[in-house]
């Protein structure tokens, strides 16, 4: 790790983490931390990769939602308004209509 630097950062969902680490595991052995992360991702992903990608795209289209927030919404797949509100900062201007739209999308993909 010495001498390596971060070239760019991008928020990813647990499904993407699971896919990346599964692909890497096929190529070579994972480090201890990577193996733990893969086990966590396998245990806590709630959607299939295809549905997670579709939901992520639909949530990203909503105005005012960042990529990091969209990824977290896909990971949590909130059922209640209170859970969804934890994703946003307290001073954010997310309206009730937006919250209801996101919850509707989550319910659509949960089934």
Protein backbone atom coordinates (compact mmCIF):
# COMPACT_ATOMS: atom_id res chain seq x y z
CA UNK A 1 0.00 0.00 0.00
CA UNK A 2 2.93 2.34 0.46
CA UNK A 3 3.28 4.59 -2.54
CA UNK A 4 -0.27 4.02 -3.74
CA UNK A 5 -2.65 6.92 -3.99
CA UNK A 6 -6.35 7.29 -4.58
CA UNK A 7 -7.01 8.37 -8.14
CA UNK A 8 -10.75 8.90 -7.72
CA UNK A 9 -13.59 7.93 -5.43
CA UNK A 10 -17.07 6.80 -6.33
CA UNK A 11 -19.87 5.71 -3.99
CA UNK A 12 -21.01 2.16 -4.74
CA UNK A 13 -23.83 0.01 -3.44
CA UNK A 14 -23.33 -3.27 -1.59
CA UNK A 15 -24.30 -5.18 -4.74
CA UNK A 16 -21.47 -3.52 -6.63
CA UNK A 17 -19.05 -4.28 -3.78
CA UNK A 18 -20.16 -7.90 -3.82
CA UNK A 19 -19.65 -8.13 -7.57
CA UNK A 20 -16.22 -6.44 -7.51
CA UNK A 21 -14.91 -8.63 -4.71
CA UNK A 22 -16.37 -11.82 -6.21
CA UNK A 23 -14.60 -11.07 -9.48
CA UNK A 24 -11.34 -10.34 -7.67
CA UNK A 25 -11.65 -13.57 -5.68
CA UNK A 26 -11.72 -15.53 -8.95
CA UNK A 27 -8.40 -13.93 -9.96
CA UNK A 28 -6.51 -14.18 -6.66
CA UNK A 29 -6.96 -14.67 -2.93
CA UNK A 30 -8.59 -11.82 -1.06
CA UNK A 31 -7.00 -10.08 1.90
CA UNK A 32 -8.58 -10.61 5.31
CA UNK A 33 -10.43 -7.29 5.14
CA UNK A 34 -11.66 -7.93 1.62
CA UNK A 35 -12.92 -11.38 2.61
CA UNK A 36 -14.82 -9.93 5.57
CA UNK A 37 -16.29 -7.24 3.34
CA UNK A 38 -17.41 -9.84 0.78
CA UNK A 39 -19.11 -11.90 3.49
CA UNK A 40 -20.85 -8.77 4.80
CA UNK A 41 -22.00 -7.78 1.32
CA UNK A 42 -23.36 -11.27 0.62
CA UNK A 43 -25.26 -11.28 3.89
CA UNK A 44 -26.81 -7.83 3.73
CA UNK A 45 -27.66 -7.21 0.07
CA UNK A 46 -31.41 -7.07 -0.24
CA UNK A 47 -31.89 -6.99 -4.02
CA UNK A 48 -30.64 -8.88 -7.02
CA UNK A 49 -27.89 -7.05 -8.92
CA UNK A 50 -30.24 -6.26 -11.83
CA UNK A 51 -32.96 -4.82 -9.58
CA UNK A 52 -30.42 -2.89 -7.53
CA UNK A 53 -29.03 -1.27 -10.68
CA UNK A 54 -32.52 -0.36 -11.92
CA UNK A 55 -33.48 1.15 -8.56
CA UNK A 56 -30.20 3.04 -8.37
CA UNK A 57 -30.79 4.59 -11.80
CA UNK A 58 -34.36 5.60 -10.90
CA UNK A 59 -33.32 7.16 -7.58
CA UNK A 60 -30.44 9.05 -9.24
CA UNK A 61 -32.95 10.67 -11.63
CA UNK A 62 -34.68 12.36 -8.70
CA UNK A 63 -33.53 15.96 -8.35
CA UNK A 64 -31.61 16.70 -5.17
CA UNK A 65 -30.33 13.16 -4.54
CA UNK A 66 -26.56 12.68 -4.64
CA UNK A 67 -24.87 9.50 -5.85
CA UNK A 68 -23.84 8.63 -2.27
CA UNK A 69 -27.41 9.05 -1.01
CA UNK A 70 -28.80 7.00 -3.91
CA UNK A 71 -26.36 4.17 -3.14
CA UNK A 72 -27.29 4.23 0.53
CA UNK A 73 -31.01 4.14 -0.31
CA UNK A 74 -30.46 1.03 -2.46
CA UNK A 75 -28.46 -0.60 0.36
CA UNK A 76 -31.03 0.16 3.06
CA UNK A 77 -34.18 -0.27 0.97
CA UNK A 78 -36.14 1.72 3.58
CA UNK A 79 -39.72 0.86 4.39
CA UNK A 80 -40.48 3.84 6.61
CA UNK A 81 -40.18 7.56 6.19
CA UNK A 82 -38.08 7.85 9.36
CA UNK A 83 -35.48 5.40 8.05
CA UNK A 84 -35.25 7.21 4.73
CA UNK A 85 -34.85 10.61 6.41
CA UNK A 86 -31.68 9.36 8.12
CA UNK A 87 -29.95 9.25 4.74
CA UNK A 88 -30.32 13.02 4.28
CA UNK A 89 -28.66 15.79 6.31
CA UNK A 90 -30.97 17.61 8.72
CA UNK A 91 -30.74 20.86 6.79
CA UNK A 92 -31.62 19.29 3.41
CA UNK A 93 -34.66 20.49 1.51
CA UNK A 94 -36.11 17.11 0.58
CA UNK A 95 -39.87 17.47 0.29
CA UNK A 96 -42.61 15.07 1.31
CA UNK A 97 -43.42 14.31 -2.33
CA UNK A 98 -39.81 13.26 -2.97
CA UNK A 99 -39.76 11.07 0.12
CA UNK A 100 -43.00 9.38 -0.90
CA UNK A 101 -41.67 8.85 -4.43
CA UNK A 102 -38.51 7.19 -3.10
CA UNK A 103 -40.49 4.98 -0.72
CA UNK A 104 -42.75 4.00 -3.61
CA UNK A 105 -39.74 3.01 -5.70
CA UNK A 106 -38.33 0.98 -2.82
CA UNK A 107 -41.64 -0.81 -2.33
CA UNK A 108 -41.81 -1.55 -6.06
CA UNK A 109 -38.43 -3.30 -6.04
CA UNK A 110 -38.83 -4.96 -2.65
CA UNK A 111 -41.57 -7.24 -3.96
